[in-house]
């Protein structure tokens, strides 16, 4: 139809096309090459009408596209939600800010195109976070935070200060404590909580999320006694005293679910307000896409936010393995949904964490000859879940931190591939590779298996900032293969970076700093921790952009800046690829765009 429009040049290139949204003019393809004005595209009765898609021309920029065909561009034309043009050539409609006639072009199109001068600043694809518990992170902002506690007594002091006056019997729910940073690394006890809060049940989740610290009242309400059997995949910690076996107040791994089932749920209004604040905070850090493993009710919450028009993030949702039967019965394959909220896969746990010393190892922890970590799911069960998921068109995302857990998952993936094919059965296979979440430590003996399976390595480099010292202490020489990002790339893994928020801060610049410099936020160790595993800046940014999109099976929709993809990008004042790498952690985002709309703009003084 376009070539029949009067006044439109039919000698065109693919760069001169853009597709209207379905339903707009029957989904026709409109060509604008050679048009003197956008109005000339719709002659006759359509002349003078507003264009179907709003156009924005971003110019005078340093655009790093992460598109190999056109890695750098000085300008970009956006039509509606999507990129129409992004390269170093002249833009469609003959627009080019570098040419002497640009002022005339601006005047010609001033009512039809929004011209945005970026004043030489750098543009990058917006960031994704491949592993964040988003609503949990959002809600934690309103809960007592014990991250700064440096001892058990310090944690009690902080909790008392943050809780203040609270009605008798009301639950106190907090987070963030880490005994690994306390003198002696000893786990806290219920006795200190009992003394400070005798009339309120207290439930405090550790920084790593794999431990919980409770007082006696909370344990009593939940119904946990010294005789309560350990749940599958969890441990109720006990100690022997003169009076007999007593509870310590610490729950490990899936034992925390005993409390989660009893503790009051946050109200819908609290969830909504917390989510909206967190969404804006994510935008301020340049994040427009998250992969979030959360419970089924959270999917329902996000669906409500989507229906109300309040969702301004792209969410790949990872359902718990406990809901696999329901997911299969509802035929919710990977990608079901839209480009704001869609099915990402199935989340499975294989082991615990380094912080709780429950990550599953081939050999025991240093100076703990009887501690190999915790096995949350056996290799055979992981294999069965993977086969069932892949056959239903769902990839799996398996939490594995210790080298034994990583090896078990790799062997499960290998067996599943033989059973259903590399990516699943031919008629139902998922569109993306199975993934290993965290993959913090692997054993040299499993290198060949990694090279064969090539899973998505959904890793969180910011963990290195807090964990490099504990890794040396508890894993010893094995830590050479901890957070080994470069080696994982060399072995064929696709890197997808995230934060594991609220376990760690979600700021992507801090993760990029950790991956590039192999240092914590204080610059330690000075020469970097196992510096041979450093990535370059482009590789690290790519893992937060291209890698996150690939892990979601959305590499044709976002992750790079090129025609046809969503206009999801950030503007920064400095080029992270050119500044001293030590300054990367101090960078901030000036503007964030999602679908061509500015969702964040930093206030200027």
Protein backbone atom coordinates (compact mmCIF):
# COMPACT_ATOMS: atom_id res chain seq x y z
CA UNK A 1 0.00 0.00 0.00
CA UNK A 2 2.85 2.38 0.83
CA UNK A 3 4.20 2.42 -2.71
CA UNK A 4 0.79 3.52 -4.00
CA UNK A 5 0.75 6.62 -1.83
CA UNK A 6 1.13 9.80 -3.89
CA UNK A 7 4.40 11.62 -3.35
CA UNK A 8 6.27 8.72 -1.77
CA UNK A 9 9.53 7.55 -3.29
CA UNK A 10 9.42 3.81 -4.06
CA UNK A 11 13.22 3.49 -4.21
CA UNK A 12 13.79 2.60 -0.60
CA UNK A 13 15.99 0.66 1.77
CA UNK A 14 15.00 -1.45 4.75
CA UNK A 15 16.04 1.38 7.08
CA UNK A 16 13.27 3.55 5.66
CA UNK A 17 10.48 1.26 6.94
CA UNK A 18 8.71 1.04 10.22
CA UNK A 19 5.69 -1.03 11.13
CA UNK A 20 2.61 0.44 12.68
CA UNK A 21 1.03 -1.23 15.66
CA UNK A 22 -1.51 -3.97 14.87
CA UNK A 23 -4.81 -2.39 14.01
CA UNK A 24 -3.32 0.93 12.93
CA UNK A 25 -4.10 1.23 9.22
CA UNK A 26 -4.47 -2.55 9.15
CA UNK A 27 -0.90 -3.09 10.29
CA UNK A 28 0.48 -1.65 7.03
CA UNK A 29 4.13 -0.88 6.49
CA UNK A 30 4.70 2.83 5.92
CA UNK A 31 7.65 4.19 3.94
CA UNK A 32 8.87 7.71 4.51
CA UNK A 33 11.91 7.83 2.28
CA UNK A 34 11.94 11.02 0.25
CA UNK A 35 8.96 12.59 2.01
CA UNK A 36 9.32 16.33 2.51
CA UNK A 37 7.04 16.20 5.52
CA UNK A 38 5.45 13.40 7.47
CA UNK A 39 2.10 14.76 6.33
CA UNK A 40 3.01 13.74 2.79
CA UNK A 41 2.93 10.12 3.88
CA UNK A 42 -0.84 10.26 4.35
CA UNK A 43 -2.19 12.31 1.40
CA UNK A 44 -5.78 13.08 0.65
CA UNK A 45 -8.21 12.72 3.53
CA UNK A 46 -5.40 11.76 5.90
CA UNK A 47 -3.31 14.86 5.14
CA UNK A 48 -2.53 16.95 8.21
CA UNK A 49 -3.61 14.26 10.66
CA UNK A 50 -1.30 13.44 13.56
CA UNK A 51 1.05 10.57 12.85
CA UNK A 52 0.00 7.21 14.23
CA UNK A 53 3.21 6.84 16.25
CA UNK A 54 4.91 9.70 18.08
CA UNK A 55 8.41 10.28 16.76
CA UNK A 56 11.44 11.27 18.81
CA UNK A 57 14.83 12.11 17.36
CA UNK A 58 17.73 11.76 19.84
CA UNK A 59 20.88 13.40 18.54
CA UNK A 60 24.33 14.71 19.44
CA UNK A 61 24.94 11.55 21.44
CA UNK A 62 27.53 8.84 21.97
CA UNK A 63 25.30 5.79 21.51
CA UNK A 64 26.82 2.40 22.33
CA UNK A 65 24.26 0.14 20.69
CA UNK A 66 25.75 -3.30 21.53
CA UNK A 67 24.65 -4.16 17.99
CA UNK A 68 27.70 -5.61 16.23
CA UNK A 69 26.57 -4.27 12.84
CA UNK A 70 26.49 -0.66 14.08
CA UNK A 71 28.30 -0.54 17.45
CA UNK A 72 28.38 3.27 17.65
CA UNK A 73 25.87 5.87 16.52
CA UNK A 74 25.48 9.63 17.02
CA UNK A 75 21.69 9.70 16.67
CA UNK A 76 18.56 7.55 16.96
CA UNK A 77 14.97 7.88 15.73
CA UNK A 78 12.23 6.33 17.84
CA UNK A 79 8.69 5.63 16.56
CA UNK A 80 6.29 5.01 19.41
CA UNK A 81 7.75 2.31 21.65
CA UNK A 82 10.32 1.04 19.18
CA UNK A 83 13.54 2.11 17.54
CA UNK A 84 13.10 3.03 13.88
CA UNK A 85 16.73 3.95 13.16
CA UNK A 86 20.05 3.86 15.00
CA UNK A 87 23.34 4.08 13.10
CA UNK A 88 25.99 6.57 12.00
CA UNK A 89 24.29 7.20 8.65
CA UNK A 90 21.70 9.83 7.81
CA UNK A 91 18.36 9.14 9.48
CA UNK A 92 15.10 8.59 7.57
CA UNK A 93 13.38 11.73 6.30
CA UNK A 94 16.85 13.03 5.52
CA UNK A 95 17.42 14.15 9.12
CA UNK A 96 21.00 14.53 10.31
CA UNK A 97 22.05 16.98 13.02
CA UNK A 98 25.58 17.02 11.58
CA UNK A 99 24.48 18.66 8.34
CA UNK A 100 24.22 22.38 7.74
CA UNK A 101 20.51 22.20 6.91
CA UNK A 102 19.52 20.68 10.25
CA UNK A 103 17.90 23.86 11.55
CA UNK A 104 15.64 23.86 8.49
CA UNK A 105 14.79 20.20 9.08
CA UNK A 106 13.85 20.93 12.68
CA UNK A 107 11.54 23.69 11.60
CA UNK A 108 9.99 21.51 8.90
CA UNK A 109 9.18 18.68 11.32
CA UNK A 110 8.76 20.64 14.56
CA UNK A 111 5.08 19.69 14.95
CA UNK A 112 5.63 16.02 14.17
CA UNK A 113 8.95 15.07 15.74
CA UNK A 114 10.27 15.76 19.21
CA UNK A 115 13.94 16.72 18.89
CA UNK A 116 16.05 15.80 21.93
CA UNK A 117 19.65 17.08 22.13
CA UNK A 118 21.67 14.77 24.40
CA UNK A 119 24.61 17.18 24.44
CA UNK A 120 27.30 14.58 23.83
CA UNK A 121 26.25 12.24 26.62
CA UNK A 122 26.49 8.47 26.36
CA UNK A 123 23.51 6.23 25.62
CA UNK A 124 23.42 2.52 26.49
CA UNK A 125 20.73 -0.15 26.37
CA UNK A 126 18.88 -0.05 29.68
CA UNK A 127 19.92 -2.59 32.29
CA UNK A 128 18.19 -5.78 33.22
CA UNK A 129 18.47 -7.68 36.48
CA UNK A 130 18.46 -11.42 35.79
CA UNK A 131 17.87 -12.40 39.42
CA UNK A 132 16.01 -10.20 41.88
CA UNK A 133 13.18 -10.99 44.29
CA UNK A 134 11.50 -7.74 43.35
CA UNK A 135 8.47 -7.56 45.65
CA UNK A 136 10.49 -8.94 48.57
CA UNK A 137 13.09 -6.24 47.87
CA UNK A 138 10.33 -3.62 47.66
CA UNK A 139 8.71 -4.66 50.95
CA UNK A 140 12.03 -4.79 52.78
CA UNK A 141 12.36 -1.04 52.34
CA UNK A 142 9.66 -0.63 55.01
CA UNK A 143 11.09 -3.27 57.39
CA UNK A 144 13.88 -3.06 59.99
CA UNK A 145 17.25 -3.41 58.27
CA UNK A 146 20.13 -4.97 60.21
CA UNK A 147 22.70 -4.84 57.41
CA UNK A 148 24.93 -2.45 59.37
CA UNK A 149 25.01 -4.62 62.53
CA UNK A 150 28.51 -5.74 63.45
CA UNK A 151 27.58 -8.02 66.36
CA UNK A 152 24.56 -9.70 67.91
CA UNK A 153 24.25 -6.92 70.49
CA UNK A 154 24.53 -4.34 67.72
CA UNK A 155 21.71 -6.06 65.83
CA UNK A 156 19.46 -5.89 68.91
CA UNK A 157 20.30 -2.22 69.36
CA UNK A 158 19.48 -1.41 65.73
CA UNK A 159 16.26 -3.39 65.90
CA UNK A 160 15.08 -1.59 69.04
CA UNK A 161 15.84 1.78 67.45
CA UNK A 162 14.00 1.00 64.21
CA UNK A 163 10.96 -0.71 65.73
CA UNK A 164 10.28 1.91 68.40
CA UNK A 165 6.91 1.58 70.11
CA UNK A 166 4.94 -1.38 68.80
CA UNK A 167 1.66 -2.91 70.02
CA UNK A 168 1.94 -5.99 72.20
CA UNK A 169 1.64 -9.20 70.17
CA UNK A 170 2.38 -7.62 66.77
CA UNK A 171 4.96 -9.41 64.62
CA UNK A 172 8.35 -7.80 64.09
CA UNK A 173 9.75 -8.78 60.69
CA UNK A 174 13.24 -7.65 59.75
CA UNK A 175 16.17 -8.61 57.53
CA UNK A 176 19.82 -8.13 56.65
CA UNK A 177 21.83 -9.57 59.56
CA UNK A 178 25.02 -11.44 58.71
CA UNK A 179 26.87 -13.34 61.42
CA UNK A 180 29.83 -13.77 59.07
CA UNK A 181 30.74 -10.12 59.70
CA UNK A 182 30.45 -10.52 63.48
CA UNK A 183 33.34 -11.40 65.84
CA UNK A 184 33.85 -15.15 65.75
CA UNK A 185 31.17 -15.66 63.10
CA UNK A 186 28.85 -17.23 65.68
CA UNK A 187 25.13 -17.54 64.94
CA UNK A 188 22.85 -15.43 67.19
CA UNK A 189 20.48 -16.91 69.77
CA UNK A 190 16.82 -16.55 70.72
CA UNK A 191 17.84 -15.49 74.24
CA UNK A 192 18.92 -12.00 73.16
CA UNK A 193 15.66 -11.50 71.27
CA UNK A 194 13.63 -12.83 74.20
CA UNK A 195 15.18 -10.26 76.52
CA UNK A 196 14.59 -7.33 74.15
CA UNK A 197 11.15 -8.37 72.85
CA UNK A 198 9.38 -10.59 75.38
CA UNK A 199 5.87 -9.69 74.19
CA UNK A 200 6.28 -9.61 70.39
CA UNK A 201 7.06 -12.47 68.00
CA UNK A 202 10.27 -11.65 66.09
CA UNK A 203 11.27 -13.07 62.69
CA UNK A 204 14.54 -11.84 61.17
CA UNK A 205 15.77 -13.14 57.82
CA UNK A 206 19.52 -13.17 57.24
CA UNK A 207 21.24 -11.19 54.52
CA UNK A 208 21.65 -14.30 52.37
CA UNK A 209 17.98 -15.24 52.84
CA UNK A 210 18.84 -18.81 53.85
CA UNK A 211 18.66 -18.36 57.64
CA UNK A 212 16.06 -16.99 60.03
CA UNK A 213 16.50 -15.80 63.62
CA UNK A 214 13.44 -16.07 65.88
CA UNK A 215 12.57 -15.48 69.51
CA UNK A 216 10.77 -17.97 71.73
CA UNK A 217 7.35 -16.36 71.25
CA UNK A 218 7.60 -16.64 67.47
CA UNK A 219 8.68 -20.28 67.69
CA UNK A 220 5.77 -21.00 70.03
CA UNK A 221 3.21 -19.34 67.73
CA UNK A 222 4.51 -21.30 64.73
CA UNK A 223 4.42 -24.51 66.79
CA UNK A 224 8.11 -25.37 66.56
CA UNK A 225 9.45 -27.39 69.50
CA UNK A 226 12.65 -29.36 70.05
CA UNK A 227 10.69 -32.43 68.95
CA UNK A 228 9.50 -30.94 65.67
CA UNK A 229 11.10 -32.95 62.83
CA UNK A 230 13.27 -31.12 60.32
CA UNK A 231 11.30 -30.41 57.13
CA UNK A 232 12.61 -31.70 53.81
CA UNK A 233 15.43 -29.44 52.65
CA UNK A 234 15.60 -27.57 55.95
CA UNK A 235 16.99 -27.68 59.49
CA UNK A 236 15.66 -26.56 62.87
CA UNK A 237 18.80 -25.79 64.86
CA UNK A 238 19.04 -27.22 68.36
CA UNK A 239 21.63 -27.32 71.13
CA UNK A 240 22.24 -29.66 74.03
CA UNK A 241 22.07 -28.12 77.49
CA UNK A 242 21.94 -29.46 81.04
CA UNK A 243 18.14 -29.28 80.96
CA UNK A 244 17.97 -31.17 77.67
CA UNK A 245 17.70 -30.30 73.98
CA UNK A 246 16.67 -26.70 73.32
CA UNK A 247 15.97 -24.59 70.24
CA UNK A 248 18.65 -22.05 69.33
CA UNK A 249 16.22 -19.78 67.47
CA UNK A 250 17.87 -20.38 64.08
CA UNK A 251 16.12 -22.00 61.11
CA UNK A 252 17.99 -23.01 57.96
CA UNK A 253 16.86 -23.31 54.34
CA UNK A 254 13.32 -24.66 53.85
CA UNK A 255 12.66 -24.67 57.59
CA UNK A 256 11.89 -20.95 57.25
CA UNK A 257 8.78 -21.93 55.29
CA UNK A 258 7.25 -23.11 58.55
CA UNK A 259 7.18 -19.46 59.62
CA UNK A 260 6.25 -18.00 56.24
CA UNK A 261 3.03 -20.03 56.32
CA UNK A 262 1.97 -18.49 59.64
CA UNK A 263 3.28 -14.93 59.58
CA UNK A 264 0.69 -12.27 58.58
CA UNK A 265 0.75 -11.27 54.91
CA UNK A 266 1.38 -7.62 54.01
CA UNK A 267 -1.80 -5.82 52.96
CA UNK A 268 -2.54 -5.19 49.26
CA UNK A 269 -2.16 -1.43 49.76
CA UNK A 270 1.23 -1.90 51.43
CA UNK A 271 2.39 -4.12 48.56
CA UNK A 272 1.16 -1.66 45.96
CA UNK A 273 2.82 1.37 47.56
CA UNK A 274 6.06 -0.51 48.15
CA UNK A 275 6.09 -1.78 44.55
CA UNK A 276 5.54 1.66 43.01
CA UNK A 277 8.37 3.18 45.08
CA UNK A 278 10.68 0.29 44.19
CA UNK A 279 9.80 0.53 40.51
CA UNK A 280 10.82 4.19 40.45
CA UNK A 281 14.03 3.36 42.32
CA UNK A 282 14.83 0.65 39.76
CA UNK A 283 14.28 3.18 36.96
CA UNK A 284 16.65 5.60 38.68
CA UNK A 285 19.35 2.93 38.40
CA UNK A 286 18.62 2.31 34.73
CA UNK A 287 16.75 -0.97 35.22
CA UNK A 288 13.74 -1.68 33.00
CA UNK A 289 13.68 -5.50 33.00
CA UNK A 290 13.82 -7.99 35.87
CA UNK A 291 13.74 -11.76 36.19
CA UNK A 292 12.05 -12.46 39.49
CA UNK A 293 11.64 -15.84 41.22
CA UNK A 294 8.70 -15.40 43.59
CA UNK A 295 5.63 -17.25 44.79
CA UNK A 296 2.41 -17.75 42.84
CA UNK A 297 0.53 -15.01 44.70
CA UNK A 298 3.14 -12.48 43.54
CA UNK A 299 2.38 -13.37 39.90
CA UNK A 300 -1.24 -12.50 40.68
CA UNK A 301 -0.11 -9.20 42.22
CA UNK A 302 1.96 -8.27 39.16
CA UNK A 303 -0.99 -9.21 36.93
CA UNK A 304 -3.13 -6.74 38.88
CA UNK A 305 -0.50 -4.03 38.46
CA UNK A 306 -0.44 -4.78 34.74
CA UNK A 307 -4.22 -4.57 34.46
CA UNK A 308 -4.26 -1.24 36.33
CA UNK A 309 -1.63 0.21 34.00
CA UNK A 310 0.85 0.62 36.87
CA UNK A 311 3.48 -1.85 35.65
CA UNK A 312 6.43 -0.05 34.04
CA UNK A 313 8.95 -2.88 34.16
CA UNK A 314 9.43 -5.89 31.92
CA UNK A 315 9.09 -8.90 34.21
CA UNK A 316 10.16 -12.45 33.41
CA UNK A 317 8.48 -14.44 36.18
CA UNK A 318 10.07 -17.63 37.50
CA UNK A 319 7.45 -19.83 39.17
CA UNK A 320 8.32 -22.10 42.13
CA UNK A 321 8.84 -25.76 41.32
CA UNK A 322 6.11 -26.49 43.88
CA UNK A 323 3.60 -25.05 41.38
CA UNK A 324 4.87 -27.01 38.37
CA UNK A 325 1.78 -29.25 38.18
CA UNK A 326 -0.51 -26.21 38.08
CA UNK A 327 1.66 -24.45 35.49
CA UNK A 328 1.65 -27.49 33.20
CA UNK A 329 -2.09 -27.97 33.65
CA UNK A 330 -2.72 -24.33 32.66
CA UNK A 331 -0.36 -24.74 29.66
CA UNK A 332 1.69 -21.73 30.70
CA UNK A 333 4.70 -22.17 28.44
CA UNK A 334 7.69 -19.89 28.33
CA UNK A 335 6.79 -16.46 26.96
CA UNK A 336 3.07 -16.59 27.73
CA UNK A 337 1.99 -13.06 28.60
CA UNK A 338 3.15 -9.89 26.91
CA UNK A 339 6.29 -7.78 26.81
CA UNK A 340 5.60 -6.39 30.28
CA UNK A 341 4.79 -9.59 32.19
CA UNK A 342 5.48 -13.08 30.91
CA UNK A 343 6.34 -16.61 31.99
CA UNK A 344 10.11 -16.97 32.36
CA UNK A 345 10.42 -20.55 33.63
CA UNK A 346 10.55 -22.68 36.77
CA UNK A 347 12.74 -21.92 39.81
CA UNK A 348 14.33 -24.87 41.62
CA UNK A 349 16.63 -25.04 44.65
CA UNK A 350 19.59 -27.42 44.77
CA UNK A 351 21.42 -26.15 47.86
CA UNK A 352 21.85 -23.31 50.34
CA UNK A 353 24.29 -20.39 50.51
CA UNK A 354 27.86 -19.45 51.35
CA UNK A 355 26.71 -17.06 54.09
CA UNK A 356 24.83 -19.84 55.90
CA UNK A 357 27.58 -22.35 55.06
CA UNK A 358 24.90 -24.55 53.50
CA UNK A 359 26.11 -24.38 49.88
CA UNK A 360 26.68 -28.02 48.88
CA UNK A 361 30.35 -28.97 48.35
CA UNK A 362 32.27 -31.99 47.10
CA UNK A 363 34.67 -31.61 50.02
CA UNK A 364 33.89 -30.19 53.49
CA UNK A 365 34.16 -26.56 54.46
CA UNK A 366 37.54 -25.39 55.69
CA UNK A 367 38.01 -26.35 59.37
CA UNK A 368 34.54 -27.98 59.42
CA UNK A 369 35.26 -31.62 58.54
CA UNK A 370 31.65 -32.75 58.94
CA UNK A 371 30.03 -29.89 57.02
CA UNK A 372 29.50 -30.48 53.28
CA UNK A 373 26.56 -28.07 53.12
CA UNK A 374 22.87 -28.83 52.59
CA UNK A 375 21.24 -30.72 49.74
CA UNK A 376 17.83 -29.15 49.18
CA UNK A 377 17.05 -31.36 46.17
CA UNK A 378 18.86 -34.48 45.01
CA UNK A 379 20.26 -34.69 41.49
CA UNK A 380 17.58 -37.18 40.42
CA UNK A 381 14.76 -34.90 41.54
CA UNK A 382 16.32 -31.95 39.70
CA UNK A 383 16.55 -34.13 36.60
CA UNK A 384 12.88 -35.10 36.84
CA UNK A 385 11.76 -31.49 37.29
CA UNK A 386 13.92 -30.40 34.36
CA UNK A 387 12.50 -33.10 32.07
CA UNK A 388 8.90 -32.32 32.98
CA UNK A 389 9.46 -28.57 32.61
CA UNK A 390 11.31 -28.79 29.30
CA UNK A 391 8.68 -31.07 27.83
CA UNK A 392 6.06 -28.49 28.77
CA UNK A 393 8.02 -25.72 27.04
CA UNK A 394 9.51 -24.28 30.21
CA UNK A 395 13.20 -23.73 30.97
CA UNK A 396 14.37 -24.27 34.53
CA UNK A 397 16.42 -21.89 36.66
CA UNK A 398 18.21 -23.89 39.35
CA UNK A 399 19.75 -22.25 42.41
CA UNK A 400 23.19 -23.84 42.85
CA UNK A 401 26.03 -22.17 44.75
CA UNK A 402 28.42 -24.89 45.94
CA UNK A 403 30.56 -26.88 43.50
CA UNK A 404 28.75 -30.16 44.28
CA UNK A 405 25.36 -28.53 43.69
CA UNK A 406 26.57 -27.06 40.39
CA UNK A 407 27.89 -30.48 39.35
CA UNK A 408 24.58 -32.14 40.28
CA UNK A 409 22.64 -29.61 38.20
CA UNK A 410 24.95 -30.05 35.21
CA UNK A 411 24.50 -33.82 35.35
CA UNK A 412 20.73 -33.39 35.67
CA UNK A 413 20.74 -31.09 32.61
CA UNK A 414 22.83 -33.63 30.70
CA UNK A 415 20.37 -36.44 31.47
CA UNK A 416 17.39 -34.23 30.63
CA UNK A 417 18.94 -33.28 27.29
CA UNK A 418 19.30 -36.97 26.38
CA UNK A 419 15.68 -37.58 27.36
CA UNK A 420 13.93 -34.64 25.66
CA UNK A 421 16.53 -33.10 23.34
CA UNK A 422 18.93 -30.26 23.93
CA UNK A 423 16.19 -27.71 24.53
CA UNK A 424 13.18 -29.94 25.05
CA UNK A 425 10.81 -31.98 22.91
CA UNK A 426 10.51 -30.75 19.33
CA UNK A 427 6.92 -29.54 19.67
CA UNK A 428 7.10 -28.02 23.15
CA UNK A 429 10.72 -27.14 23.85
CA UNK A 430 11.47 -23.88 25.64
CA UNK A 431 12.93 -21.10 23.54
CA UNK A 432 15.85 -20.49 25.89
CA UNK A 433 18.52 -22.56 27.56
CA UNK A 434 18.16 -23.91 31.07
CA UNK A 435 20.02 -21.78 33.56
CA UNK A 436 21.99 -22.08 36.77
CA UNK A 437 21.30 -19.33 39.29
CA UNK A 438 24.33 -17.96 41.19
CA UNK A 439 26.82 -20.65 40.05
CA UNK A 440 29.23 -19.15 42.56
CA UNK A 441 31.67 -22.08 42.69
CA UNK A 442 32.43 -24.88 40.28
CA UNK A 443 35.00 -27.67 40.38
CA UNK A 444 37.69 -28.12 37.68
CA UNK A 445 36.47 -31.70 37.25
CA UNK A 446 33.19 -30.31 35.85
CA UNK A 447 34.74 -28.03 33.21
CA UNK A 448 34.07 -30.42 30.34
CA UNK A 449 30.48 -30.80 31.43
CA UNK A 450 30.02 -27.03 31.53
CA UNK A 451 31.51 -26.81 28.04
CA UNK A 452 29.09 -29.48 26.81
CA UNK A 453 25.92 -28.17 28.49
CA UNK A 454 26.67 -24.42 28.16
CA UNK A 455 23.93 -23.33 30.57
CA UNK A 456 22.95 -19.73 31.08
CA UNK A 457 25.09 -18.58 34.01
CA UNK A 458 22.73 -16.26 35.87
CA UNK A 459 25.29 -14.77 38.23
CA UNK A 460 25.45 -11.74 40.50
CA UNK A 461 28.88 -10.10 40.47
CA UNK A 462 27.94 -7.76 43.34
CA UNK A 463 28.04 -10.84 45.61
CA UNK A 464 31.82 -10.77 45.19
CA UNK A 465 31.99 -7.50 47.14
CA UNK A 466 30.68 -9.11 50.33
CA UNK A 467 31.75 -12.70 49.73
CA UNK A 468 35.38 -12.72 48.63
CA UNK A 469 36.63 -12.85 52.23
CA UNK A 470 34.17 -15.57 53.42
CA UNK A 471 34.94 -17.53 50.24
CA UNK A 472 38.62 -17.55 51.12
CA UNK A 473 37.84 -18.49 54.72
CA UNK A 474 35.35 -21.30 54.07
CA UNK A 475 36.32 -22.56 50.60
CA UNK A 476 40.09 -22.08 50.76
CA UNK A 477 41.97 -22.79 47.52
CA UNK A 478 38.72 -23.82 45.83
CA UNK A 479 37.84 -20.12 45.71
CA UNK A 480 40.02 -19.86 42.58
CA UNK A 481 36.91 -21.04 40.73
CA UNK A 482 34.48 -18.80 42.63
CA UNK A 483 32.76 -16.01 40.71
CA UNK A 484 34.92 -17.05 37.76
CA UNK A 485 33.10 -14.96 35.15
CA UNK A 486 35.80 -15.00 32.47
CA UNK A 487 36.27 -18.75 32.76
CA UNK A 488 32.51 -19.30 32.45
CA UNK A 489 32.52 -17.26 29.24
CA UNK A 490 35.46 -19.25 27.90
CA UNK A 491 33.58 -22.48 28.64
CA UNK A 492 30.65 -21.32 26.52
CA UNK A 493 28.19 -20.07 29.12
CA UNK A 494 26.00 -17.08 28.40
CA UNK A 495 26.38 -14.58 31.24
CA UNK A 496 23.24 -12.91 32.59
CA UNK A 497 24.03 -10.51 35.43
CA UNK A 498 21.73 -9.60 38.31
CA UNK A 499 21.81 -8.57 41.96
CA UNK A 500 19.88 -11.15 44.02
CA UNK A 501 18.19 -8.16 45.69
CA UNK A 502 17.36 -7.76 48.51
CA UNK A 503 20.34 -9.98 49.41
CA UNK A 504 22.65 -7.45 47.74
CA UNK A 505 22.21 -3.86 46.47
CA UNK A 506 20.63 -3.74 43.02
CA UNK A 507 22.82 -0.94 41.60
CA UNK A 508 24.18 -2.35 38.29
CA UNK A 509 27.21 -0.04 38.37
CA UNK A 510 28.39 -1.79 41.53
CA UNK A 511 28.02 -5.15 39.81
CA UNK A 512 29.95 -3.90 36.79
CA UNK A 513 32.66 -2.60 39.13
CA UNK A 514 32.91 -6.01 40.81
CA UNK A 515 33.12 -7.87 37.49
CA UNK A 516 35.69 -5.49 35.98
CA UNK A 517 37.90 -4.73 39.00
CA UNK A 518 37.34 -7.86 41.13
CA UNK A 519 37.19 -5.62 44.21
CA UNK A 520 34.66 -4.71 46.87
CA UNK A 521 33.27 -1.20 47.13
CA UNK A 522 36.19 -0.15 49.33
CA UNK A 523 38.67 -1.14 46.61
CA UNK A 524 39.87 -4.33 48.32
CA UNK A 525 41.92 -6.29 47.56
CA UNK A 526 44.09 -3.60 45.90
CA UNK A 527 45.13 -5.72 42.90
CA UNK A 528 41.82 -7.49 42.57
CA UNK A 529 40.69 -10.90 43.78
CA UNK A 530 41.90 -13.49 41.26
CA UNK A 531 42.32 -10.68 38.70
CA UNK A 532 42.65 -13.19 35.84
CA UNK A 533 38.85 -13.50 36.04
CA UNK A 534 38.25 -9.83 35.24
CA UNK A 535 35.88 -8.89 32.42
CA UNK A 536 36.27 -5.78 30.31
CA UNK A 537 33.64 -3.05 30.68
CA UNK A 538 31.78 -3.91 27.48
CA UNK A 539 31.52 -7.56 28.51
CA UNK A 540 30.15 -6.60 31.91
CA UNK A 541 27.60 -4.16 30.49
CA UNK A 542 26.69 -6.75 27.87
CA UNK A 543 25.87 -9.24 30.64
CA UNK A 544 23.44 -6.70 32.13
CA UNK A 545 21.82 -5.97 28.74
CA UNK A 546 22.24 -8.52 25.94
CA UNK A 547 22.76 -11.38 28.39
CA UNK A 548 19.63 -10.62 30.40
CA UNK A 549 17.55 -10.40 27.21
CA UNK A 550 18.92 -13.70 25.91
CA UNK A 551 18.25 -15.44 29.22
CA UNK A 552 14.61 -14.35 28.93
CA UNK A 553 14.34 -15.39 25.27
CA UNK A 554 13.70 -11.74 24.38
CA UNK A 555 16.88 -10.93 22.45
CA UNK A 556 14.75 -9.90 19.46
CA UNK A 557 12.84 -7.39 21.58
CA UNK A 558 15.44 -5.61 23.73
CA UNK A 559 19.03 -5.78 24.97
CA UNK A 560 20.57 -3.85 22.06
CA UNK A 561 19.70 -0.57 20.35
CA UNK A 562 18.68 -1.41 16.79
CA UNK A 563 15.64 -1.01 14.53
CA UNK A 564 12.54 -2.93 15.54
CA UNK A 565 13.49 -3.35 19.21
CA UNK A 566 11.91 -1.53 22.10
CA UNK A 567 13.43 1.86 22.83
CA UNK A 568 14.69 0.88 26.27
CA UNK A 569 17.85 2.85 27.03
CA UNK A 570 19.68 5.00 29.54
CA UNK A 571 21.59 8.27 29.29
CA UNK A 572 24.75 8.75 31.37
CA UNK A 573 27.03 11.77 31.64
CA UNK A 574 30.25 9.80 31.14
CA UNK A 575 31.22 6.91 28.88
CA UNK A 576 31.84 3.93 31.20
CA UNK A 577 34.05 2.35 28.54
CA UNK A 578 36.46 5.29 28.57
CA UNK A 579 36.71 6.39 32.21
CA UNK A 580 39.08 4.87 34.77
CA UNK A 581 37.51 1.57 35.81
CA UNK A 582 37.91 2.52 39.48
CA UNK A 583 35.29 5.24 38.96
CA UNK A 584 32.62 2.96 37.47
CA UNK A 585 31.06 2.30 40.87
CA UNK A 586 30.39 6.05 41.23
CA UNK A 587 28.45 6.42 37.97
CA UNK A 588 24.77 7.28 38.00
CA UNK A 589 21.98 7.40 35.43
CA UNK A 590 20.79 10.78 34.12
CA UNK A 591 17.72 9.49 32.24
CA UNK A 592 15.98 6.16 31.72
CA UNK A 593 13.69 5.45 28.78
CA UNK A 594 11.38 2.48 28.46
CA UNK A 595 9.39 1.95 25.29
CA UNK A 596 10.40 5.41 24.11
CA UNK A 597 9.01 7.09 27.24
CA UNK A 598 11.18 8.82 29.83
CA UNK A 599 10.44 7.01 33.11
CA UNK A 600 13.23 8.67 35.10
CA UNK A 601 15.12 11.94 34.86
CA UNK A 602 17.68 12.97 37.44
CA UNK A 603 17.00 16.29 39.06
CA UNK A 604 19.62 18.93 38.34
CA UNK A 605 20.60 21.57 40.85
